[in-house]
Amino acid sequence: MIVDSHCHLNFLDLAEFNNDMSQVLFKAKENGVQHFLCVCVELSDYPQLEQLAASYPNISISVGVHPNSEMEYPVTAAMLCDLATNPACIAIGETGLDYYRTHTEEAQEEQRSRFREHIKAALTTSKPLIIHTRQAAEDTLLLMAQENAQQIGGVMHCFAENLDIALRAIDLNFYISFSGIVTFKNATMLQEVARHIPLDKILIETDSPYLAPVPFRGKQNHPALVKYVAEAIAELRGMRYEEIAEITTQNFYNCFKLHQ
């Protein structure tokens, strides 16, 4: 059995599943997926996530605002803490820094301020962080350390940085989560990370509906395909799929302080 540690079920185009979310989950179950963490990127989406969790007991959710999401008002730790009281909410995020399209100092500082509020909320609620970083790894790690994110830990989701960044994140009490990117032919740097970081710090995810793994690259991703991520990591490390499945599943429950 495996876990999809990061997906956006509310963004799926359900047309290929007869407009039925239960078919998405059934397809995933057929492929060994036992649990799903459906991750929030905008607070306006959160009620929809709460409804998914209420309808399906094997869906957990998070609350947070993606660094690229535009908000009409500042996100505060108090706001996040209030929403995180739902028992299905097991994490704060996704949050972090993304400078890919954010080039002005003012806009980057706005992201940093929002990130700080998420870390405060995580420390207050004792719920781990889900961190997104893109072209901002050094600032992300610096802010994590400054705000004592290591006290609560969490996961660097959809990791796409080098081994040094991975090991520094692990030193800050964070897991490293691999998406379908690790199956891409040109992802040699990321594959090196998957080979060398400690096994007890690896998570797997789809980030669906994005980043479908080979051989489905370019198509809509969905949780059933997380097994291809596990298979790729098993091959990279010279291990059996079943071993990676068991280890990453236990890691998920350890990271998010859950009982199987």
C-alpha atoms as a PDB file:
ATOM      1  CA  MET A   1       0.000   0.000   0.000  1.00  0.00           C
ATOM      2  CA  ILE A   2       1.125   3.546  -0.749  1.00  0.00           C
ATOM      3  CA  VAL A   3       0.082   7.110   0.032  1.00  0.00           C
ATOM      4  CA  ASP A   4      -0.261  10.103  -2.261  1.00  0.00           C
ATOM      5  CA  SER A   5       1.224  12.685   0.078  1.00  0.00           C
ATOM      6  CA  HIS A   6       0.289  15.706  -2.051  1.00  0.00           C
ATOM      7  CA  CYS A   7      -2.548  16.072  -4.546  1.00  0.00           C
ATOM      8  CA  HIS A   8      -5.124  18.653  -5.597  1.00  0.00           C
ATOM      9  CA  LEU A   9      -8.235  16.529  -6.067  1.00  0.00           C
ATOM     10  CA  ASN A  10     -10.411  19.625  -6.368  1.00  0.00           C
ATOM     11  CA  PHE A  11      -8.524  20.649  -9.527  1.00  0.00           C
ATOM     12  CA  LEU A  12      -9.006  17.356 -11.382  1.00  0.00           C
ATOM     13  CA  ASP A  13     -10.960  17.335 -14.623  1.00  0.00           C
ATOM     14  CA  LEU A  14     -13.409  14.600 -13.681  1.00  0.00           C
ATOM     15  CA  ALA A  15     -14.630  14.074 -17.255  1.00  0.00           C
ATOM     16  CA  GLU A  16     -12.370  11.025 -17.660  1.00  0.00           C
ATOM     17  CA  PHE A  17     -13.832   9.624 -14.429  1.00  0.00           C
ATOM     18  CA  ASN A  18     -17.504  10.010 -15.411  1.00  0.00           C
ATOM     19  CA  ASN A  19     -17.646  13.162 -13.286  1.00  0.00           C
ATOM     20  CA  ASP A  20     -17.375  11.027 -10.179  1.00  0.00           C
ATOM     21  CA  MET A  21     -14.668  11.600  -7.552  1.00  0.00           C
ATOM     22  CA  SER A  22     -15.279   8.147  -6.114  1.00  0.00           C
ATOM     23  CA  GLN A  23     -13.996   6.688  -9.399  1.00  0.00           C
ATOM     24  CA  VAL A  24     -10.728   8.609  -8.963  1.00  0.00           C
ATOM     25  CA  LEU A  25     -10.328   7.079  -5.528  1.00  0.00           C
ATOM     26  CA  PHE A  26     -11.370   3.609  -6.694  1.00  0.00           C
ATOM     27  CA  LYS A  27      -8.793   3.711  -9.497  1.00  0.00           C
ATOM     28  CA  ALA A  28      -6.192   4.732  -6.944  1.00  0.00           C
ATOM     29  CA  LYS A  29      -7.222   1.932  -4.590  1.00  0.00           C
ATOM     30  CA  GLU A  30      -6.831  -0.566  -7.454  1.00  0.00           C
ATOM     31  CA  ASN A  31      -3.235   0.646  -7.679  1.00  0.00           C
ATOM     32  CA  GLY A  32      -2.558   0.304  -3.964  1.00  0.00           C
ATOM     33  CA  VAL A  33      -3.156   3.887  -2.806  1.00  0.00           C
ATOM     34  CA  GLN A  34      -4.677   3.874   0.663  1.00  0.00           C
ATOM     35  CA  HIS A  35      -4.572   7.529   1.717  1.00  0.00           C
ATOM     36  CA  PHE A  36      -4.566  10.978   0.118  1.00  0.00           C
ATOM     37  CA  LEU A  37      -3.455  14.377   1.355  1.00  0.00           C
ATOM     38  CA  CYS A  38      -5.418  16.983  -0.579  1.00  0.00           C
ATOM     39  CA  VAL A  39      -3.525  20.241  -0.318  1.00  0.00           C
ATOM     40  CA  CYS A  40      -4.957  23.743  -0.133  1.00  0.00           C
ATOM     41  CA  VAL A  41      -3.534  26.578  -2.247  1.00  0.00           C
ATOM     42  CA  GLU A  42      -6.238  29.234  -1.717  1.00  0.00           C
ATOM     43  CA  LEU A  43      -8.491  29.766   1.289  1.00  0.00           C
ATOM     44  CA  SER A  44     -11.510  30.040  -1.011  1.00  0.00           C
ATOM     45  CA  ASP A  45     -10.932  26.369  -1.902  1.00  0.00           C
ATOM     46  CA  TYR A  46     -10.872  25.192   1.704  1.00  0.00           C
ATOM     47  CA  PRO A  47     -14.626  24.502   2.130  1.00  0.00           C
ATOM     48  CA  GLN A  48     -14.455  22.218  -0.918  1.00  0.00           C
ATOM     49  CA  LEU A  49     -11.541  20.346   0.662  1.00  0.00           C
ATOM     50  CA  GLU A  50     -13.448  20.027   3.928  1.00  0.00           C
ATOM     51  CA  GLN A  51     -16.360  18.505   2.018  1.00  0.00           C
ATOM     52  CA  LEU A  52     -14.060  15.979   0.332  1.00  0.00           C
ATOM     53  CA  ALA A  53     -12.638  14.960   3.700  1.00  0.00           C
ATOM     54  CA  ALA A  54     -16.130  14.643   5.164  1.00  0.00           C
ATOM     55  CA  SER A  55     -17.191  12.414   2.264  1.00  0.00           C
ATOM     56  CA  TYR A  56     -14.118  10.166   2.155  1.00  0.00           C
ATOM     57  CA  PRO A  57     -12.389   9.133   5.403  1.00  0.00           C
ATOM     58  CA  ASN A  58      -9.108   8.328   3.642  1.00  0.00           C
ATOM     59  CA  ILE A  59      -8.697  11.938   2.480  1.00  0.00           C
ATOM     60  CA  SER A  60      -6.816  14.303   4.764  1.00  0.00           C
ATOM     61  CA  ILE A  61      -6.471  17.999   3.986  1.00  0.00           C
ATOM     62  CA  SER A  62      -4.238  20.979   4.666  1.00  0.00           C
ATOM     63  CA  VAL A  63      -4.903  24.693   4.938  1.00  0.00           C
ATOM     64  CA  GLY A  64      -2.696  27.331   3.389  1.00  0.00           C
ATOM     65  CA  VAL A  65      -2.089  29.814   0.614  1.00  0.00           C
ATOM     66  CA  HIS A  66       0.381  29.092  -2.190  1.00  0.00           C
ATOM     67  CA  PRO A  67       3.072  31.766  -2.540  1.00  0.00           C
ATOM     68  CA  ASN A  68       1.777  32.640  -6.023  1.00  0.00           C
ATOM     69  CA  SER A  69      -1.884  32.877  -5.011  1.00  0.00           C
ATOM     70  CA  GLU A  70      -3.157  36.443  -5.029  1.00  0.00           C
ATOM     71  CA  MET A  71      -5.098  37.544  -1.960  1.00  0.00           C
ATOM     72  CA  GLU A  72      -7.135  40.703  -1.418  1.00  0.00           C
ATOM     73  CA  TYR A  73      -6.057  40.731   2.223  1.00  0.00           C
ATOM     74  CA  PRO A  74      -3.014  39.507   4.190  1.00  0.00           C
ATOM     75  CA  VAL A  75      -2.999  35.924   5.423  1.00  0.00           C
ATOM     76  CA  THR A  76      -2.512  35.773   9.186  1.00  0.00           C
ATOM     77  CA  ALA A  77      -1.481  32.941  11.470  1.00  0.00           C
ATOM     78  CA  ALA A  78      -4.701  33.431  13.447  1.00  0.00           C
ATOM     79  CA  MET A  79      -6.770  32.950  10.302  1.00  0.00           C
ATOM     80  CA  LEU A  80      -4.948  29.714   9.451  1.00  0.00           C
ATOM     81  CA  CYS A  81      -5.162  28.412  13.020  1.00  0.00           C
ATOM     82  CA  ASP A  82      -8.914  28.956  13.050  1.00  0.00           C
ATOM     83  CA  LEU A  83      -9.415  26.990   9.828  1.00  0.00           C
ATOM     84  CA  ALA A  84      -7.018  24.242  10.932  1.00  0.00           C
ATOM     85  CA  THR A  85      -9.301  23.176  13.789  1.00  0.00           C
ATOM     86  CA  ASN A  86     -11.030  20.710  11.437  1.00  0.00           C
ATOM     87  CA  PRO A  87      -9.775  17.254  12.558  1.00  0.00           C
ATOM     88  CA  ALA A  88      -9.225  16.288   8.904  1.00  0.00           C
ATOM     89  CA  CYS A  89      -6.675  19.094   8.572  1.00  0.00           C
ATOM     90  CA  ILE A  90      -3.266  17.586   9.302  1.00  0.00           C
ATOM     91  CA  ALA A  91      -0.902  20.219   7.880  1.00  0.00           C
ATOM     92  CA  ILE A  92      -0.310  23.906   7.176  1.00  0.00           C
ATOM     93  CA  GLY A  93       0.371  24.768   3.540  1.00  0.00           C
ATOM     94  CA  GLU A  94       1.213  24.700   0.909  1.00  0.00           C
ATOM     95  CA  THR A  95       3.366  27.664   1.652  1.00  0.00           C
ATOM     96  CA  GLY A  96       6.894  28.789   0.877  1.00  0.00           C
ATOM     97  CA  LEU A  97       8.629  30.973  -1.688  1.00  0.00           C
ATOM     98  CA  ASP A  98       8.401  31.012  -5.476  1.00  0.00           C
ATOM     99  CA  TYR A  99      10.501  33.588  -7.303  1.00  0.00           C
ATOM    100  CA  TYR A 100      10.009  32.066 -10.764  1.00  0.00           C
ATOM    101  CA  ARG A 101       7.670  34.866 -11.844  1.00  0.00           C
ATOM    102  CA  THR A 102       8.151  37.140  -8.833  1.00  0.00           C
ATOM    103  CA  HIS A 103      11.100  39.428  -9.479  1.00  0.00           C
ATOM    104  CA  THR A 104      10.527  42.619  -7.472  1.00  0.00           C
ATOM    105  CA  GLU A 105      11.814  42.898  -3.916  1.00  0.00           C
ATOM    106  CA  GLU A 106       8.400  44.135  -2.767  1.00  0.00           C
ATOM    107  CA  ALA A 107       6.596  41.074  -4.140  1.00  0.00           C
ATOM    108  CA  GLN A 108       9.220  38.711  -2.757  1.00  0.00           C
ATOM    109  CA  GLU A 109       8.972  40.322   0.689  1.00  0.00           C
ATOM    110  CA  GLU A 110       5.203  39.862   0.549  1.00  0.00           C
ATOM    111  CA  GLN A 111       5.794  36.137  -0.038  1.00  0.00           C
ATOM    112  CA  ARG A 112       8.259  35.999   2.852  1.00  0.00           C
ATOM    113  CA  SER A 113       5.782  37.700   5.172  1.00  0.00           C
ATOM    114  CA  ARG A 114       3.059  35.222   4.218  1.00  0.00           C
ATOM    115  CA  PHE A 115       5.480  32.312   4.710  1.00  0.00           C
ATOM    116  CA  ARG A 116       6.275  33.559   8.232  1.00  0.00           C
ATOM    117  CA  GLU A 117       2.578  33.568   9.110  1.00  0.00           C
ATOM    118  CA  HIS A 118       2.253  29.966   7.955  1.00  0.00           C
ATOM    119  CA  ILE A 119       5.214  28.895  10.080  1.00  0.00           C
ATOM    120  CA  LYS A 120       3.698  30.652  13.104  1.00  0.00           C
ATOM    121  CA  ALA A 121       0.416  28.828  12.474  1.00  0.00           C
ATOM    122  CA  ALA A 122       2.208  25.496  12.210  1.00  0.00           C
ATOM    123  CA  LEU A 123       4.023  26.060  15.490  1.00  0.00           C
ATOM    124  CA  THR A 124       0.792  27.141  17.210  1.00  0.00           C
ATOM    125  CA  THR A 125      -1.297  24.218  15.941  1.00  0.00           C
ATOM    126  CA  SER A 126       1.492  21.600  16.029  1.00  0.00           C
ATOM    127  CA  LYS A 127       0.651  20.717  12.431  1.00  0.00           C
ATOM    128  CA  PRO A 128       3.595  20.115  10.048  1.00  0.00           C
ATOM    129  CA  LEU A 129       4.372  22.414   7.140  1.00  0.00           C
ATOM    130  CA  ILE A 130       4.037  21.650   3.437  1.00  0.00           C
ATOM    131  CA  ILE A 131       6.660  23.785   1.720  1.00  0.00           C
ATOM    132  CA  HIS A 132       6.890  24.808  -1.928  1.00  0.00           C
ATOM    133  CA  THR A 133      10.103  26.399  -3.177  1.00  0.00           C
ATOM    134  CA  ARG A 134      11.015  27.425  -6.706  1.00  0.00           C
ATOM    135  CA  GLN A 135      14.078  29.468  -7.624  1.00  0.00           C
ATOM    136  CA  ALA A 136      14.180  30.542  -3.974  1.00  0.00           C
ATOM    137  CA  ALA A 137      15.868  27.677  -2.141  1.00  0.00           C
ATOM    138  CA  GLU A 138      18.380  29.738  -0.163  1.00  0.00           C
ATOM    139  CA  ASP A 139      15.792  32.246   1.037  1.00  0.00           C
ATOM    140  CA  THR A 140      13.397  29.405   1.851  1.00  0.00           C
ATOM    141  CA  LEU A 141      15.908  27.565   4.031  1.00  0.00           C
ATOM    142  CA  LEU A 142      17.052  30.788   5.692  1.00  0.00           C
ATOM    143  CA  LEU A 143      13.527  31.804   6.627  1.00  0.00           C
ATOM    144  CA  MET A 144      12.727  28.286   7.858  1.00  0.00           C
ATOM    145  CA  ALA A 145      15.712  28.458  10.202  1.00  0.00           C
ATOM    146  CA  GLN A 146      14.993  32.029  11.336  1.00  0.00           C
ATOM    147  CA  GLU A 147      11.378  31.179  12.195  1.00  0.00           C
ATOM    148  CA  ASN A 148      12.236  27.868  13.927  1.00  0.00           C
ATOM    149  CA  ALA A 149      10.344  25.725  11.436  1.00  0.00           C
ATOM    150  CA  GLN A 150      12.499  22.784  12.537  1.00  0.00           C
ATOM    151  CA  GLN A 151      10.497  22.679  15.770  1.00  0.00           C
ATOM    152  CA  ILE A 152       7.482  21.365  13.860  1.00  0.00           C
ATOM    153  CA  GLY A 153       9.035  20.000  10.640  1.00  0.00           C
ATOM    154  CA  GLY A 154       7.125  18.900   7.595  1.00  0.00           C
ATOM    155  CA  VAL A 155       7.855  18.234   3.944  1.00  0.00           C
ATOM    156  CA  MET A 156       9.568  19.910   1.011  1.00  0.00           C
ATOM    157  CA  HIS A 157       6.955  19.000  -1.572  1.00  0.00           C
ATOM    158  CA  CYS A 158       7.598  18.290  -5.263  1.00  0.00           C
ATOM    159  CA  PHE A 159      11.298  18.614  -4.573  1.00  0.00           C
ATOM    160  CA  ALA A 160      13.394  19.722  -7.549  1.00  0.00           C
ATOM    161  CA  GLU A 161      16.587  21.062  -5.979  1.00  0.00           C
ATOM    162  CA  ASN A 162      20.047  19.523  -5.567  1.00  0.00           C
ATOM    163  CA  LEU A 163      21.405  17.125  -2.959  1.00  0.00           C
ATOM    164  CA  ASP A 164      22.928  19.880  -0.816  1.00  0.00           C
ATOM    165  CA  ILE A 165      19.571  21.659  -0.486  1.00  0.00           C
ATOM    166  CA  ALA A 166      17.871  18.348   0.308  1.00  0.00           C
ATOM    167  CA  LEU A 167      20.322  17.500   3.079  1.00  0.00           C
ATOM    168  CA  ARG A 168      20.038  20.981   4.580  1.00  0.00           C
ATOM    169  CA  ALA A 169      16.248  20.682   4.588  1.00  0.00           C
ATOM    170  CA  ILE A 170      16.534  17.279   6.254  1.00  0.00           C
ATOM    171  CA  ASP A 171      18.763  18.876   8.907  1.00  0.00           C
ATOM    172  CA  LEU A 172      15.853  21.247   9.562  1.00  0.00           C
ATOM    173  CA  ASN A 173      13.574  18.268  10.315  1.00  0.00           C
ATOM    174  CA  PHE A 174      11.915  18.098   6.894  1.00  0.00           C
ATOM    175  CA  TYR A 175      11.094  15.190   4.632  1.00  0.00           C
ATOM    176  CA  ILE A 176      11.765  15.289   0.877  1.00  0.00           C
ATOM    177  CA  SER A 177       8.826  14.452  -1.394  1.00  0.00           C
ATOM    178  CA  PHE A 178       9.322  13.261  -4.962  1.00  0.00           C
ATOM    179  CA  SER A 179       6.766  13.765  -7.727  1.00  0.00           C
ATOM    180  CA  GLY A 180       6.568  12.494 -11.289  1.00  0.00           C
ATOM    181  CA  ILE A 181       9.545  14.714 -12.132  1.00  0.00           C
ATOM    182  CA  VAL A 182      11.842  11.980 -10.794  1.00  0.00           C
ATOM    183  CA  THR A 183      10.726   9.752 -13.703  1.00  0.00           C
ATOM    184  CA  PHE A 184      11.718  12.306 -16.355  1.00  0.00           C
ATOM    185  CA  LYS A 185      14.730  11.355 -18.464  1.00  0.00           C
ATOM    186  CA  ASN A 186      16.493  14.700 -17.982  1.00  0.00           C
ATOM    187  CA  ALA A 187      15.955  14.885 -14.195  1.00  0.00           C
ATOM    188  CA  THR A 188      19.430  13.567 -13.407  1.00  0.00           C
ATOM    189  CA  MET A 189      20.080  15.976 -10.517  1.00  0.00           C
ATOM    190  CA  LEU A 190      16.835  14.991  -8.819  1.00  0.00           C
ATOM    191  CA  GLN A 191      17.486  11.303  -9.414  1.00  0.00           C
ATOM    192  CA  GLU A 192      20.814  11.741  -7.629  1.00  0.00           C
ATOM    193  CA  VAL A 193      18.919  13.155  -4.647  1.00  0.00           C
ATOM    194  CA  ALA A 194      16.556  10.170  -4.665  1.00  0.00           C
ATOM    195  CA  ARG A 195      19.521   7.796  -4.650  1.00  0.00           C
ATOM    196  CA  HIS A 196      21.364   9.352  -1.745  1.00  0.00           C
ATOM    197  CA  ILE A 197      19.106  10.890   0.887  1.00  0.00           C
ATOM    198  CA  PRO A 198      18.156   8.752   3.909  1.00  0.00           C
ATOM    199  CA  LEU A 199      15.328   6.334   3.169  1.00  0.00           C
ATOM    200  CA  ASP A 200      13.463   7.423   6.277  1.00  0.00           C
ATOM    201  CA  LYS A 201      13.122  10.950   4.849  1.00  0.00           C
ATOM    202  CA  ILE A 202      11.474  10.098   1.501  1.00  0.00           C
ATOM    203  CA  LEU A 203       7.835  10.772   0.626  1.00  0.00           C
ATOM    204  CA  ILE A 204       6.072  10.295  -2.712  1.00  0.00           C
ATOM    205  CA  GLU A 205       3.346  12.373  -4.327  1.00  0.00           C
ATOM    206  CA  THR A 206       1.563  13.094  -7.568  1.00  0.00           C
ATOM    207  CA  ASP A 207       0.909  16.846  -7.224  1.00  0.00           C
ATOM    208  CA  SER A 208      -2.014  15.875  -9.447  1.00  0.00           C
ATOM    209  CA  PRO A 209      -3.446  17.014 -11.750  1.00  0.00           C
ATOM    210  CA  TYR A 210       0.045  18.248 -12.638  1.00  0.00           C
ATOM    211  CA  LEU A 211       3.349  16.531 -13.499  1.00  0.00           C
ATOM    212  CA  ALA A 212       2.163  13.096 -14.601  1.00  0.00           C
ATOM    213  CA  PRO A 213       5.018  10.583 -14.490  1.00  0.00           C
ATOM    214  CA  VAL A 214       6.481   8.753 -17.461  1.00  0.00           C
ATOM    215  CA  PRO A 215       4.815   7.055 -19.388  1.00  0.00           C
ATOM    216  CA  PHE A 216       1.890   9.467 -18.897  1.00  0.00           C
ATOM    217  CA  ARG A 217       3.862  12.710 -19.133  1.00  0.00           C
ATOM    218  CA  GLY A 218       1.762  15.506 -20.617  1.00  0.00           C
ATOM    219  CA  LYS A 219      -1.538  13.935 -19.576  1.00  0.00           C
ATOM    220  CA  GLN A 220      -3.664  14.687 -16.541  1.00  0.00           C
ATOM    221  CA  ASN A 221      -2.090  13.250 -13.416  1.00  0.00           C
ATOM    222  CA  HIS A 222      -4.165  11.507 -10.735  1.00  0.00           C
ATOM    223  CA  PRO A 223      -3.386   9.619  -7.508  1.00  0.00           C
ATOM    224  CA  ALA A 224      -3.291   6.122  -9.043  1.00  0.00           C
ATOM    225  CA  LEU A 225      -0.105   7.145 -10.859  1.00  0.00           C
ATOM    226  CA  VAL A 226       1.887   7.714  -7.666  1.00  0.00           C
ATOM    227  CA  LYS A 227       3.028   4.102  -7.943  1.00  0.00           C
ATOM    228  CA  TYR A 228       5.232   5.119 -10.893  1.00  0.00           C
ATOM    229  CA  VAL A 229       7.091   7.503  -8.593  1.00  0.00           C
ATOM    230  CA  ALA A 230       7.655   4.690  -6.100  1.00  0.00           C
ATOM    231  CA  GLU A 231       8.813   2.374  -8.888  1.00  0.00           C
ATOM    232  CA  ALA A 232      11.315   4.957 -10.146  1.00  0.00           C
ATOM    233  CA  ILE A 233      12.803   5.460  -6.687  1.00  0.00           C
ATOM    234  CA  ALA A 234      13.000   1.700  -6.143  1.00  0.00           C
ATOM    235  CA  GLU A 235      14.899   1.321  -9.409  1.00  0.00           C
ATOM    236  CA  LEU A 236      17.255   4.199  -8.599  1.00  0.00           C
ATOM    237  CA  ARG A 237      18.104   2.674  -5.235  1.00  0.00           C
ATOM    238  CA  GLY A 238      18.267  -0.949  -6.353  1.00  0.00           C
ATOM    239  CA  MET A 239      15.357  -1.920  -4.131  1.00  0.00           C
ATOM    240  CA  ARG A 240      12.035  -3.676  -4.552  1.00  0.00           C
ATOM    241  CA  TYR A 241       8.908  -1.609  -5.145  1.00  0.00           C
ATOM    242  CA  GLU A 242       7.289  -3.173  -2.085  1.00  0.00           C
ATOM    243  CA  GLU A 243      10.119  -1.929   0.119  1.00  0.00           C
ATOM    244  CA  ILE A 244       9.806   1.658  -1.099  1.00  0.00           C
ATOM    245  CA  ALA A 245       6.016   1.467  -0.780  1.00  0.00           C
ATOM    246  CA  GLU A 246       6.245   0.324   2.834  1.00  0.00           C
ATOM    247  CA  ILE A 247       8.953   2.816   3.804  1.00  0.00           C
ATOM    248  CA  THR A 248       7.341   5.871   2.201  1.00  0.00           C
ATOM    249  CA  THR A 249       3.956   5.000   3.667  1.00  0.00           C
ATOM    250  CA  GLN A 250       5.407   4.766   7.167  1.00  0.00           C
ATOM    251  CA  ASN A 251       7.311   7.993   6.550  1.00  0.00           C
ATOM    252  CA  PHE A 252       4.050   9.745   5.659  1.00  0.00           C
ATOM    253  CA  TYR A 253       2.405   8.679   8.895  1.00  0.00           C
ATOM    254  CA  ASN A 254       5.499   9.688  10.855  1.00  0.00           C
ATOM    255  CA  CYS A 255       5.749  13.083   9.158  1.00  0.00           C
ATOM    256  CA  PHE A 256       2.122  13.992   9.775  1.00  0.00           C
ATOM    257  CA  LYS A 257       1.860  12.323  13.190  1.00  0.00           C
ATOM    258  CA  LEU A 258      -0.877   9.911  12.148  1.00  0.00           C
ATOM    259  CA  HIS A 259      -1.666   6.324  13.085  1.00  0.00           C
ATOM    260  CA  GLN A 260      -2.131   3.725  10.337  1.00  0.00           C
END
